[in-house]
Amino acid sequence: MGQPEFQGVVVKESPCMLTCDKPVALCLRGPGKAAYQFSNVRPESDLENVLTLVRLYVSNKKGAIVDARPIGRLRHCLNARLPST
């Protein structure tokens, strides 16, 4: 990623996120932030939306995504939102 706006973002692979019927899945989480899980993500066509999603998440202190319209199709791929602890 290399861009300053993504400093501190770590991408990790997970063996299972219990979305076998709708792969590919991704989860966003951070200390003191809400966590989000998305499934049925299409890496080839959703890359720009994923980057927008990460920008929105990183830029909000609580990780809240208030307006999901900028993430396009991904707004329909949300499986879960867990509040921050």
N, C-alpha and C. Protein backbone atom coordinates (compact mmCIF):
# COMPACT_ATOMS: atom_id res chain seq x y z
N MET A 1 0.82 -1.19 0.00
CA MET A 1 0.00 0.00 0.00
C MET A 1 0.86 1.25 0.00
N GLY A 2 1.84 1.36 0.80
CA GLY A 2 2.85 2.39 0.69
C GLY A 2 2.44 3.84 0.80
N GLN A 3 1.17 4.17 0.67
CA GLN A 3 0.74 5.56 0.74
C GLN A 3 0.58 5.97 2.19
N PRO A 4 0.93 7.23 2.53
CA PRO A 4 0.84 7.69 3.92
C PRO A 4 -0.55 7.51 4.54
N GLU A 5 -1.62 7.62 3.76
CA GLU A 5 -2.96 7.48 4.31
C GLU A 5 -3.22 6.08 4.84
N PHE A 6 -2.38 5.13 4.48
CA PHE A 6 -2.56 3.76 4.94
C PHE A 6 -1.51 3.36 5.99
N GLN A 7 -0.80 4.31 6.54
CA GLN A 7 0.17 3.99 7.58
C GLN A 7 -0.55 3.32 8.74
N GLY A 8 0.04 2.27 9.27
CA GLY A 8 -0.54 1.56 10.39
C GLY A 8 -1.52 0.48 9.99
N VAL A 9 -1.89 0.40 8.72
CA VAL A 9 -2.82 -0.64 8.25
C VAL A 9 -2.01 -1.90 7.99
N VAL A 10 -2.47 -3.00 8.58
CA VAL A 10 -1.81 -4.28 8.40
C VAL A 10 -2.81 -5.24 7.75
N VAL A 11 -2.39 -5.90 6.69
CA VAL A 11 -3.23 -6.88 6.01
C VAL A 11 -2.76 -8.26 6.44
N LYS A 12 -3.72 -9.05 6.96
CA LYS A 12 -3.40 -10.41 7.39
C LYS A 12 -4.35 -11.38 6.71
N GLU A 13 -3.84 -12.54 6.39
CA GLU A 13 -4.66 -13.60 5.82
C GLU A 13 -5.23 -14.44 6.95
N SER A 14 -6.46 -14.85 6.81
CA SER A 14 -7.12 -15.70 7.80
C SER A 14 -7.57 -16.98 7.12
N PRO A 15 -7.38 -18.11 7.77
CA PRO A 15 -7.76 -19.37 7.12
C PRO A 15 -9.27 -19.54 7.00
N CYS A 16 -10.07 -18.95 7.90
CA CYS A 16 -11.52 -19.15 7.85
C CYS A 16 -12.24 -18.01 8.54
N MET A 17 -13.24 -17.45 7.85
CA MET A 17 -14.08 -16.41 8.46
C MET A 17 -15.55 -16.83 8.39
N LEU A 18 -15.79 -18.14 8.21
CA LEU A 18 -17.13 -18.73 8.20
C LEU A 18 -18.05 -18.13 7.14
N THR A 19 -17.49 -17.84 5.98
CA THR A 19 -18.29 -17.32 4.87
C THR A 19 -18.06 -18.16 3.62
N CYS A 20 -18.01 -19.46 3.79
CA CYS A 20 -17.70 -20.36 2.67
C CYS A 20 -18.67 -20.20 1.51
N ASP A 21 -19.92 -19.88 1.79
CA ASP A 21 -20.89 -19.74 0.73
C ASP A 21 -20.78 -18.40 0.00
N LYS A 22 -19.98 -17.46 0.56
CA LYS A 22 -19.81 -16.14 -0.05
C LYS A 22 -18.36 -15.67 0.06
N PRO A 23 -17.41 -16.41 -0.48
CA PRO A 23 -16.04 -15.92 -0.41
C PRO A 23 -15.88 -14.76 -1.37
N VAL A 24 -14.99 -13.94 -1.30
CA VAL A 24 -13.89 -13.66 -0.40
C VAL A 24 -14.42 -12.76 0.72
N ALA A 25 -13.90 -12.96 1.95
CA ALA A 25 -14.32 -12.15 3.09
C ALA A 25 -13.20 -11.22 3.52
N LEU A 26 -13.59 -10.11 4.14
CA LEU A 26 -12.61 -9.22 4.75
C LEU A 26 -13.19 -8.65 6.02
N CYS A 27 -12.31 -8.36 6.95
CA CYS A 27 -12.72 -7.81 8.24
C CYS A 27 -11.84 -6.61 8.53
N LEU A 28 -12.46 -5.58 9.08
CA LEU A 28 -11.73 -4.40 9.52
C LEU A 28 -11.88 -4.31 11.03
N ARG A 29 -10.78 -4.13 11.72
CA ARG A 29 -10.84 -3.93 13.16
C ARG A 29 -9.62 -3.17 13.62
N GLY A 30 -9.80 -2.44 14.71
CA GLY A 30 -8.71 -1.66 15.26
C GLY A 30 -9.00 -1.34 16.71
N PRO A 31 -7.98 -1.05 17.49
CA PRO A 31 -8.16 -0.75 18.91
C PRO A 31 -9.14 0.42 19.10
N GLY A 32 -10.16 0.19 19.92
CA GLY A 32 -11.12 1.24 20.21
C GLY A 32 -12.09 1.55 19.08
N LYS A 33 -12.10 0.72 18.04
CA LYS A 33 -12.96 0.95 16.88
C LYS A 33 -13.95 -0.19 16.71
N ALA A 34 -15.06 0.12 16.06
CA ALA A 34 -16.00 -0.91 15.67
C ALA A 34 -15.30 -1.86 14.68
N ALA A 35 -15.76 -3.10 14.64
CA ALA A 35 -15.24 -4.07 13.68
C ALA A 35 -16.32 -4.36 12.65
N TYR A 36 -15.90 -4.57 11.41
CA TYR A 36 -16.82 -4.85 10.31
C TYR A 36 -16.37 -6.10 9.59
N GLN A 37 -17.32 -6.94 9.18
CA GLN A 37 -17.02 -8.10 8.36
C GLN A 37 -17.86 -8.04 7.08
N PHE A 38 -17.18 -8.20 5.97
CA PHE A 38 -17.81 -8.21 4.65
C PHE A 38 -17.53 -9.56 3.99
N SER A 39 -18.46 -10.04 3.18
CA SER A 39 -18.21 -11.26 2.41
C SER A 39 -18.68 -11.04 0.98
N ASN A 40 -18.33 -11.99 0.13
CA ASN A 40 -18.64 -11.92 -1.29
C ASN A 40 -17.93 -10.74 -1.97
N VAL A 41 -16.75 -10.43 -1.47
CA VAL A 41 -15.93 -9.36 -2.04
C VAL A 41 -15.25 -9.90 -3.29
N ARG A 42 -15.24 -9.11 -4.33
CA ARG A 42 -14.61 -9.49 -5.60
C ARG A 42 -13.33 -8.68 -5.77
N PRO A 43 -12.18 -9.26 -5.41
CA PRO A 43 -10.93 -8.51 -5.44
C PRO A 43 -10.64 -7.85 -6.79
N GLU A 44 -11.00 -8.49 -7.89
CA GLU A 44 -10.69 -7.94 -9.21
C GLU A 44 -11.47 -6.66 -9.49
N SER A 45 -12.72 -6.61 -9.06
CA SER A 45 -13.56 -5.46 -9.40
C SER A 45 -13.86 -4.54 -8.22
N ASP A 46 -13.59 -4.97 -7.00
CA ASP A 46 -13.93 -4.17 -5.81
C ASP A 46 -12.74 -3.44 -5.19
N LEU A 47 -11.58 -3.50 -5.82
CA LEU A 47 -10.38 -2.93 -5.20
C LEU A 47 -10.56 -1.46 -4.82
N GLU A 48 -11.06 -0.64 -5.71
CA GLU A 48 -11.23 0.79 -5.39
C GLU A 48 -12.21 0.99 -4.25
N ASN A 49 -13.27 0.19 -4.21
CA ASN A 49 -14.22 0.28 -3.11
C ASN A 49 -13.61 -0.18 -1.79
N VAL A 50 -12.77 -1.20 -1.84
CA VAL A 50 -12.07 -1.66 -0.63
C VAL A 50 -11.15 -0.55 -0.12
N LEU A 51 -10.41 0.09 -1.02
CA LEU A 51 -9.52 1.18 -0.61
C LEU A 51 -10.32 2.34 -0.01
N THR A 52 -11.46 2.65 -0.59
CA THR A 52 -12.33 3.70 -0.04
C THR A 52 -12.82 3.29 1.34
N LEU A 53 -13.22 2.04 1.49
CA LEU A 53 -13.66 1.52 2.78
C LEU A 53 -12.57 1.69 3.84
N VAL A 54 -11.35 1.31 3.50
CA VAL A 54 -10.24 1.44 4.44
C VAL A 54 -10.00 2.91 4.79
N ARG A 55 -10.07 3.78 3.80
CA ARG A 55 -9.90 5.23 4.07
C ARG A 55 -10.96 5.73 5.05
N LEU A 56 -12.20 5.36 4.83
CA LEU A 56 -13.29 5.78 5.73
C LEU A 56 -13.05 5.26 7.14
N TYR A 57 -12.67 4.01 7.23
CA TYR A 57 -12.46 3.37 8.53
C TYR A 57 -11.30 4.03 9.28
N VAL A 58 -10.20 4.20 8.61
CA VAL A 58 -9.01 4.77 9.24
C VAL A 58 -9.25 6.22 9.67
N SER A 59 -10.02 6.95 8.88
CA SER A 59 -10.21 8.38 9.15
C SER A 59 -11.19 8.66 10.29
N ASN A 60 -11.96 7.67 10.73
CA ASN A 60 -12.92 7.88 11.80
C ASN A 60 -12.38 7.32 13.10
N LYS A 61 -12.32 8.14 14.13
CA LYS A 61 -11.73 7.75 15.41
C LYS A 61 -12.35 6.48 16.00
N LYS A 62 -13.65 6.31 15.82
CA LYS A 62 -14.35 5.14 16.36
C LYS A 62 -14.54 4.04 15.31
N GLY A 63 -14.04 4.28 14.09
CA GLY A 63 -14.19 3.30 13.03
C GLY A 63 -15.59 3.27 12.43
N ALA A 64 -16.39 4.27 12.74
CA ALA A 64 -17.77 4.30 12.26
C ALA A 64 -17.82 4.65 10.78
N ILE A 65 -18.59 3.89 10.05
CA ILE A 65 -18.84 4.19 8.65
C ILE A 65 -20.28 4.68 8.59
N VAL A 66 -20.42 5.98 8.57
CA VAL A 66 -21.72 6.62 8.68
C VAL A 66 -22.48 6.58 7.36
N ASP A 67 -21.78 6.82 6.28
CA ASP A 67 -22.39 6.82 4.94
C ASP A 67 -21.67 5.79 4.09
N ALA A 68 -22.33 4.68 3.81
CA ALA A 68 -21.70 3.58 3.07
C ALA A 68 -21.78 3.73 1.56
N ARG A 69 -22.46 4.75 1.07
CA ARG A 69 -22.59 4.91 -0.38
C ARG A 69 -21.26 4.97 -1.11
N PRO A 70 -20.21 5.62 -0.55
CA PRO A 70 -18.94 5.68 -1.28
C PRO A 70 -18.27 4.33 -1.50
N ILE A 71 -18.68 3.29 -0.75
CA ILE A 71 -18.03 1.98 -0.93
C ILE A 71 -18.77 1.11 -1.94
N GLY A 72 -19.70 1.71 -2.65
CA GLY A 72 -20.37 1.03 -3.76
C GLY A 72 -21.03 -0.27 -3.37
N ARG A 73 -20.79 -1.29 -4.15
CA ARG A 73 -21.38 -2.60 -3.98
C ARG A 73 -21.09 -3.23 -2.62
N LEU A 74 -19.98 -2.86 -2.00
CA LEU A 74 -19.60 -3.45 -0.72
C LEU A 74 -20.63 -3.18 0.39
N ARG A 75 -21.39 -2.09 0.25
CA ARG A 75 -22.38 -1.79 1.29
C ARG A 75 -23.43 -2.89 1.38
N HIS A 76 -23.57 -3.68 0.33
CA HIS A 76 -24.50 -4.80 0.33
C HIS A 76 -23.83 -6.12 0.76
N CYS A 77 -22.55 -6.05 1.04
CA CYS A 77 -21.77 -7.24 1.41
C CYS A 77 -21.48 -7.31 2.91
N LEU A 78 -21.97 -6.36 3.66
CA LEU A 78 -21.72 -6.31 5.10
C LEU A 78 -22.46 -7.43 5.81
N ASN A 79 -21.73 -8.24 6.58
CA ASN A 79 -22.31 -9.33 7.36
C ASN A 79 -22.51 -8.94 8.81
N ALA A 80 -21.55 -8.21 9.37
CA ALA A 80 -21.61 -7.90 10.79
C ALA A 80 -20.87 -6.62 11.11
N ARG A 81 -21.39 -5.93 12.12
CA ARG A 81 -20.72 -4.76 12.69
C ARG A 81 -20.73 -4.98 14.19
N LEU A 82 -19.55 -5.01 14.77
CA LEU A 82 -19.41 -5.18 16.21
C LEU A 82 -18.99 -3.84 16.81
N PRO A 83 -19.70 -3.37 17.83
CA PRO A 83 -19.35 -2.08 18.41
C PRO A 83 -17.96 -2.12 19.04
N SER A 84 -17.37 -0.94 19.18
CA SER A 84 -16.06 -0.87 19.82
C SER A 84 -16.18 -1.22 21.29
N THR A 85 -15.09 -1.68 21.84
CA THR A 85 -15.09 -2.04 23.26
C THR A 85 -14.40 -1.00 24.10
